[in-house]
N, C-alpha and C. Protein backbone atom coordinates (compact mmCIF):
# COMPACT_ATOMS: atom_id res chain seq x y z
N MET A 1 3.96 31.86 -9.34
CA MET A 1 4.70 30.76 -8.78
C MET A 1 4.76 29.66 -9.81
N GLY A 2 5.72 29.72 -10.67
CA GLY A 2 5.86 28.77 -11.76
C GLY A 2 6.56 27.51 -11.33
N SER A 3 6.96 26.73 -12.31
CA SER A 3 7.65 25.47 -12.02
C SER A 3 9.07 25.74 -11.53
N LEU A 4 9.62 24.78 -10.84
CA LEU A 4 10.96 24.94 -10.30
C LEU A 4 11.99 24.72 -11.41
N SER A 5 13.07 25.45 -11.33
CA SER A 5 14.13 25.31 -12.33
C SER A 5 15.04 24.14 -11.96
N LEU A 6 15.98 23.85 -12.81
CA LEU A 6 16.91 22.74 -12.60
C LEU A 6 17.72 22.93 -11.32
N THR A 7 18.13 24.15 -11.04
CA THR A 7 18.93 24.38 -9.83
C THR A 7 18.09 24.12 -8.57
N HIS A 8 16.81 24.42 -8.61
CA HIS A 8 15.95 24.13 -7.46
C HIS A 8 15.84 22.62 -7.24
N TRP A 9 15.68 21.86 -8.33
CA TRP A 9 15.58 20.41 -8.21
C TRP A 9 16.89 19.80 -7.69
N LEU A 10 18.02 20.33 -8.15
CA LEU A 10 19.31 19.84 -7.66
C LEU A 10 19.49 20.14 -6.18
N LEU A 11 19.04 21.30 -5.75
CA LEU A 11 19.12 21.66 -4.33
C LEU A 11 18.22 20.74 -3.49
N VAL A 12 17.03 20.45 -3.96
CA VAL A 12 16.13 19.54 -3.25
C VAL A 12 16.75 18.15 -3.18
N LEU A 13 17.33 17.67 -4.26
CA LEU A 13 17.99 16.37 -4.27
C LEU A 13 19.15 16.33 -3.29
N ALA A 14 19.94 17.39 -3.24
CA ALA A 14 21.07 17.45 -2.31
C ALA A 14 20.59 17.40 -0.87
N VAL A 15 19.54 18.11 -0.55
CA VAL A 15 19.01 18.11 0.82
C VAL A 15 18.48 16.72 1.17
N VAL A 16 17.79 16.08 0.26
CA VAL A 16 17.27 14.73 0.51
C VAL A 16 18.42 13.76 0.75
N LEU A 17 19.47 13.85 -0.05
CA LEU A 17 20.62 12.96 0.13
C LEU A 17 21.33 13.23 1.45
N ILE A 18 21.39 14.48 1.86
CA ILE A 18 22.03 14.80 3.14
C ILE A 18 21.20 14.27 4.30
N VAL A 19 19.90 14.46 4.22
CA VAL A 19 19.02 14.05 5.32
C VAL A 19 18.94 12.53 5.41
N PHE A 20 18.70 11.85 4.31
CA PHE A 20 18.50 10.41 4.34
C PHE A 20 19.79 9.62 4.12
N GLY A 21 20.77 10.22 3.52
CA GLY A 21 22.00 9.51 3.23
C GLY A 21 21.87 8.70 1.95
N ALA A 22 22.98 8.51 1.25
CA ALA A 22 22.95 7.82 -0.04
C ALA A 22 22.63 6.34 0.13
N GLY A 23 22.98 5.73 1.25
CA GLY A 23 22.74 4.30 1.44
C GLY A 23 21.31 3.99 1.85
N ARG A 24 20.68 4.89 2.58
CA ARG A 24 19.33 4.63 3.07
C ARG A 24 18.26 4.89 2.03
N LEU A 25 18.54 5.72 1.05
CA LEU A 25 17.54 6.07 0.05
C LEU A 25 17.10 4.88 -0.80
N PRO A 26 18.02 4.07 -1.36
CA PRO A 26 17.57 2.90 -2.13
C PRO A 26 16.80 1.90 -1.26
N LYS A 27 17.21 1.74 -0.01
CA LYS A 27 16.50 0.83 0.89
C LYS A 27 15.08 1.33 1.14
N ALA A 28 14.93 2.63 1.33
CA ALA A 28 13.60 3.19 1.54
C ALA A 28 12.73 3.02 0.31
N MET A 29 13.29 3.21 -0.87
CA MET A 29 12.51 3.03 -2.09
C MET A 29 12.13 1.55 -2.28
N GLY A 30 13.02 0.64 -1.90
CA GLY A 30 12.70 -0.79 -1.98
C GLY A 30 11.58 -1.15 -1.02
N ASP A 31 11.61 -0.59 0.18
CA ASP A 31 10.54 -0.84 1.15
C ASP A 31 9.22 -0.28 0.65
N LEU A 32 9.26 0.88 0.03
CA LEU A 32 8.05 1.48 -0.53
C LEU A 32 7.47 0.61 -1.64
N ALA A 33 8.33 0.12 -2.52
CA ALA A 33 7.87 -0.74 -3.61
C ALA A 33 7.29 -2.04 -3.07
N ARG A 34 7.93 -2.61 -2.05
CA ARG A 34 7.43 -3.85 -1.45
C ARG A 34 6.06 -3.61 -0.81
N GLY A 35 5.87 -2.47 -0.18
CA GLY A 35 4.59 -2.13 0.42
C GLY A 35 3.50 -1.96 -0.63
N ILE A 36 3.83 -1.34 -1.74
CA ILE A 36 2.85 -1.16 -2.82
C ILE A 36 2.46 -2.51 -3.40
N ARG A 37 3.46 -3.40 -3.62
CA ARG A 37 3.15 -4.74 -4.13
C ARG A 37 2.25 -5.51 -3.17
N SER A 38 2.53 -5.39 -1.88
CA SER A 38 1.72 -6.08 -0.88
C SER A 38 0.29 -5.53 -0.87
N PHE A 39 0.16 -4.22 -0.99
CA PHE A 39 -1.16 -3.60 -1.02
C PHE A 39 -1.95 -4.07 -2.24
N ARG A 40 -1.31 -4.08 -3.40
CA ARG A 40 -1.99 -4.52 -4.62
C ARG A 40 -2.39 -5.99 -4.54
N SER A 41 -1.51 -6.82 -3.95
CA SER A 41 -1.82 -8.23 -3.77
C SER A 41 -3.02 -8.39 -2.84
N GLY A 42 -3.06 -7.62 -1.78
CA GLY A 42 -4.19 -7.66 -0.86
C GLY A 42 -5.49 -7.22 -1.50
N MET A 43 -5.41 -6.24 -2.37
CA MET A 43 -6.61 -5.77 -3.07
C MET A 43 -7.12 -6.85 -4.02
N ARG A 44 -6.23 -7.58 -4.68
CA ARG A 44 -6.64 -8.68 -5.55
C ARG A 44 -7.29 -9.79 -4.74
N ASP A 45 -6.73 -10.09 -3.57
CA ASP A 45 -7.29 -11.14 -2.72
C ASP A 45 -8.68 -10.74 -2.23
N ASP A 46 -8.87 -9.47 -1.87
CA ASP A 46 -10.17 -8.99 -1.41
C ASP A 46 -11.20 -9.04 -2.53
N ALA A 47 -10.77 -8.77 -3.74
CA ALA A 47 -11.70 -8.76 -4.87
C ALA A 47 -12.16 -10.18 -5.20
N SER A 48 -11.32 -11.18 -4.98
CA SER A 48 -11.70 -12.55 -5.29
C SER A 48 -12.36 -13.25 -4.10
N ALA A 49 -12.36 -12.66 -2.92
CA ALA A 49 -12.92 -13.29 -1.73
C ALA A 49 -14.42 -13.55 -1.84
N PRO A 50 -15.27 -12.65 -2.32
CA PRO A 50 -16.70 -12.95 -2.40
C PRO A 50 -17.00 -14.15 -3.31
N GLU A 51 -16.23 -14.35 -4.34
CA GLU A 51 -16.44 -15.49 -5.23
C GLU A 51 -16.17 -16.79 -4.50
N ALA A 52 -15.18 -16.80 -3.63
CA ALA A 52 -14.83 -18.01 -2.90
C ALA A 52 -15.84 -18.31 -1.80
N GLU A 53 -16.52 -17.31 -1.28
CA GLU A 53 -17.45 -17.48 -0.18
C GLU A 53 -18.84 -17.92 -0.62
N GLU A 54 -19.11 -17.98 -1.91
CA GLU A 54 -20.45 -18.30 -2.38
C GLU A 54 -20.88 -19.70 -1.97
N GLY A 55 -19.98 -20.65 -1.88
CA GLY A 55 -20.33 -22.01 -1.55
C GLY A 55 -20.43 -22.26 -0.05
N LEU A 56 -20.06 -21.31 0.77
CA LEU A 56 -20.08 -21.49 2.21
C LEU A 56 -21.50 -21.34 2.75
N PRO A 57 -21.84 -22.10 3.81
CA PRO A 57 -23.17 -21.93 4.41
C PRO A 57 -23.26 -20.60 5.15
N ASP A 58 -24.46 -20.15 5.37
CA ASP A 58 -24.69 -18.90 6.07
C ASP A 58 -24.31 -19.07 7.54
N ALA A 59 -23.45 -18.21 8.05
CA ALA A 59 -22.96 -18.34 9.41
C ALA A 59 -23.85 -17.61 10.42
N ARG A 60 -24.87 -16.89 9.95
CA ARG A 60 -25.74 -16.17 10.87
C ARG A 60 -26.67 -17.15 11.59
N PRO A 61 -26.92 -16.89 12.87
CA PRO A 61 -27.84 -17.78 13.59
C PRO A 61 -29.27 -17.61 13.08
N GLY A 62 -29.99 -18.72 13.07
CA GLY A 62 -31.38 -18.70 12.61
C GLY A 62 -32.31 -18.25 13.72
N PRO A 63 -33.61 -18.25 13.45
CA PRO A 63 -34.56 -17.86 14.49
C PRO A 63 -34.57 -18.89 15.62
N ARG A 64 -34.71 -18.40 16.83
CA ARG A 64 -34.68 -19.28 17.99
C ARG A 64 -36.11 -19.67 18.38
N ASP A 65 -36.23 -20.87 18.85
CA ASP A 65 -37.50 -21.37 19.31
C ASP A 65 -37.65 -21.00 20.78
N VAL A 66 -38.47 -19.99 21.07
CA VAL A 66 -38.64 -19.51 22.43
C VAL A 66 -39.83 -20.23 23.07
N ARG A 67 -39.64 -20.84 24.20
CA ARG A 67 -40.73 -21.54 24.90
C ARG A 67 -41.00 -20.93 26.22
């Protein structure tokens, strides 16, 4: 089972264009790119979040005085 030939790739492309349509394909690729950019931006924000939290006080409750 080797690699696909040029005719196989053209057939796959034709089926994709028929199923999704020529107008919807660029829109779908744009949405995919926007999602990847958003994901990468979120990962950068998560990576810098611990640095920003260092100056915050501890939010955990302390020991309670039981009487």
